Amino acid sequence: MEFQIDPKSGRYTKRRLKSEPPTLHGYAGFAQELAVSHFGTVLCALFLYEGEIILRMREFAWKLFQPGLEIAHREGFWHCELSVKDASGVTTFRYRRKDAFAMIIDSAYDNLDLELANLPANLPSFASRNKEELVAWWSERARAS
């Protein structure tokens, strides 16, 4: 699936791809549609924009490395919660897991499987990385053709 997002408004379009696109045409990041309580289907996106890594969910947007930003993820059986705390308070998104069936049938299911299936589970890890390295890596991917 490929998403094209307006970084300022959060509006997006999507299209199904048969394989990963060979170039990113100026974009770099990850996104996943989630079924979020009280919001419906929402795009959770983490992407490079004007030298910053942006986390966007619906109309909410944060710079991943802004001072005081705290990201927490909590795993539940059918649902998970992503909480983002900044100077204005805490915003929590409760979303339906993408991997509930796999978790039930796979006896070797672990945290890696959770993170592969649910983008928000990766966000605390991304926030703990080195900003300059992440920006450089995604900038290079966006330029690659």
Protein backbone atom coordinates (compact mmCIF):
# COMPACT_ATOMS: atom_id res chain seq x y z
CA MET A 1 0.00 0.00 0.00
CA GLU A 2 1.31 3.46 -0.84
CA PHE A 3 0.06 6.58 0.92
CA GLN A 4 0.49 10.16 -0.22
CA ILE A 5 -0.07 12.56 2.67
CA ASP A 6 -0.44 16.30 2.87
CA PRO A 7 1.99 17.05 5.73
CA LYS A 8 0.09 20.15 6.81
CA SER A 9 -3.51 18.86 6.88
CA GLY A 10 -3.04 15.12 7.30
CA ARG A 11 -5.29 14.34 4.34
CA TYR A 12 -4.09 11.35 2.39
CA THR A 13 -4.73 9.13 -0.58
CA LYS A 14 -3.77 5.51 -0.94
CA ARG A 15 -3.21 3.02 -3.69
CA ARG A 16 -2.49 -0.67 -3.67
CA LEU A 17 0.88 -1.68 -5.12
CA LYS A 18 1.94 -5.12 -6.29
CA SER A 19 5.47 -4.51 -5.00
CA GLU A 20 7.45 -1.85 -3.16
CA PRO A 21 7.92 1.26 -5.33
CA PRO A 22 11.45 1.56 -6.77
CA THR A 23 11.69 5.22 -5.68
CA LEU A 24 10.04 7.29 -2.98
CA HIS A 25 9.74 10.48 -5.10
CA GLY A 26 10.73 12.83 -2.28
CA TYR A 27 8.90 10.96 0.46
CA ALA A 28 10.40 8.95 3.27
CA GLY A 29 8.55 7.34 6.14
CA PHE A 30 6.04 4.75 7.21
CA ALA A 31 2.26 4.77 7.50
CA GLN A 32 -0.54 2.41 8.42
CA GLU A 33 -4.30 2.75 8.53
CA LEU A 34 -5.75 1.92 11.93
CA ALA A 35 -9.28 1.49 13.29
CA VAL A 36 -9.17 3.99 16.17
CA SER A 37 -11.93 4.25 18.79
CA HIS A 38 -13.96 7.48 18.42
CA PHE A 39 -12.11 8.46 15.22
CA GLY A 40 -12.79 5.64 12.72
CA THR A 41 -10.13 4.74 10.19
CA VAL A 42 -7.07 6.92 10.76
CA LEU A 43 -3.69 7.08 9.07
CA CYS A 44 -0.82 6.76 11.54
CA ALA A 45 2.18 8.24 9.73
CA LEU A 46 5.81 8.83 10.63
CA PHE A 47 7.67 10.71 7.92
CA LEU A 48 10.43 13.16 7.08
CA TYR A 49 9.24 16.70 6.31
CA GLU A 50 11.43 19.80 6.07
CA GLY A 51 14.26 18.23 8.09
CA GLU A 52 11.99 16.96 10.89
CA ILE A 53 10.52 13.55 11.62
CA ILE A 54 6.77 14.10 11.97
CA LEU A 55 4.28 11.84 13.74
CA ARG A 56 0.77 12.45 12.45
CA MET A 57 -2.54 10.89 13.43
CA ARG A 58 -5.57 12.55 11.91
CA GLU A 59 -5.40 16.29 12.75
CA PHE A 60 -2.78 15.70 15.44
CA ALA A 61 0.88 16.23 14.54
CA TRP A 62 4.08 16.25 16.57
CA LYS A 63 7.77 16.57 15.78
CA LEU A 64 9.14 13.24 16.98
CA PHE A 65 12.15 14.84 18.64
CA GLN A 66 10.52 17.95 20.10
CA PRO A 67 11.57 18.62 23.72
CA GLY A 68 9.25 17.08 26.29
CA LEU A 69 7.49 14.72 23.88
CA GLU A 70 6.83 11.30 25.41
CA ILE A 71 5.44 8.37 23.45
CA ALA A 72 4.12 5.23 25.11
CA HIS A 73 2.55 2.12 23.64
CA ARG A 74 0.54 -0.44 25.56
CA GLU A 75 -0.39 -3.83 24.18
CA GLY A 76 -3.80 -5.36 24.88
CA PHE A 77 -5.37 -8.57 23.65
CA TRP A 78 -7.76 -7.10 21.04
CA HIS A 79 -6.70 -3.46 21.21
CA CYS A 80 -3.55 -1.43 21.81
CA GLU A 81 -3.08 2.13 23.00
CA LEU A 82 -0.72 4.79 21.76
CA SER A 83 -0.27 7.75 24.12
CA VAL A 84 1.53 10.94 23.14
CA LYS A 85 2.33 13.43 25.88
CA ASP A 86 3.44 16.98 25.11
CA ALA A 87 3.13 20.40 26.74
CA SER A 88 -0.61 20.52 26.00
CA GLY A 89 -1.36 17.18 27.71
CA VAL A 90 -1.81 13.53 26.80
CA THR A 91 -3.54 12.32 23.65
CA THR A 92 -4.43 8.61 23.60
CA PHE A 93 -5.44 6.54 20.60
CA ARG A 94 -7.00 3.13 21.24
CA TYR A 95 -6.80 1.05 18.09
CA ARG A 96 -7.73 -2.45 16.99
CA ARG A 97 -4.70 -4.70 16.64
CA LYS A 98 -3.76 -5.75 13.13
CA ASP A 99 -2.31 -9.04 14.37
CA ALA A 100 -4.85 -10.53 16.81
CA PHE A 101 -5.37 -13.68 14.74
CA ALA A 102 -1.62 -14.26 14.29
CA MET A 103 -1.09 -13.77 18.03
CA ILE A 104 -3.68 -16.48 18.76
CA ILE A 105 -2.43 -19.13 16.33
CA ASP A 106 1.35 -18.53 16.43
CA SER A 107 2.95 -20.19 19.45
CA ALA A 108 6.23 -18.34 18.71
CA TYR A 109 4.55 -14.91 18.56
CA ASP A 110 6.73 -12.22 20.17
CA ASN A 111 7.32 -8.47 20.40
CA LEU A 112 8.97 -8.37 16.97
CA ASP A 113 5.77 -9.73 15.41
CA LEU A 114 3.77 -7.07 17.28
CA GLU A 115 6.02 -4.31 15.94
CA LEU A 116 5.91 -5.63 12.38
CA ALA A 117 2.11 -5.70 12.37
CA ASN A 118 1.39 -2.48 14.29
CA LEU A 119 3.27 0.70 13.38
CA PRO A 120 2.45 2.49 16.68
CA ALA A 121 4.30 -0.24 18.60
CA ASN A 122 7.50 1.00 16.90
CA LEU A 123 7.08 4.67 17.78
CA PRO A 124 8.74 4.63 21.23
CA SER A 125 11.76 2.93 19.62
CA PHE A 126 11.95 5.54 16.84
CA ALA A 127 11.74 8.35 19.42
CA SER A 128 14.77 6.92 21.24
CA ARG A 129 16.97 6.90 18.13
CA ASN A 130 19.45 9.54 17.06
CA LYS A 131 17.58 12.29 15.20
CA GLU A 132 20.45 13.27 12.89
CA GLU A 133 21.07 9.68 11.79
CA LEU A 134 17.38 9.03 11.17
CA VAL A 135 16.94 12.28 9.20
CA ALA A 136 20.06 11.51 7.14
CA TRP A 137 18.91 7.94 6.40
CA TRP A 138 15.39 9.00 5.36
CA SER A 139 16.73 11.96 3.35
CA GLU A 140 18.95 9.57 1.40
CA ARG A 141 16.02 7.21 0.72
CA ALA A 142 13.88 10.13 -0.47
CA ARG A 143 16.62 11.21 -2.94
CA ALA A 144 17.36 7.69 -4.23
CA SER A 145 16.03 6.93 -7.66
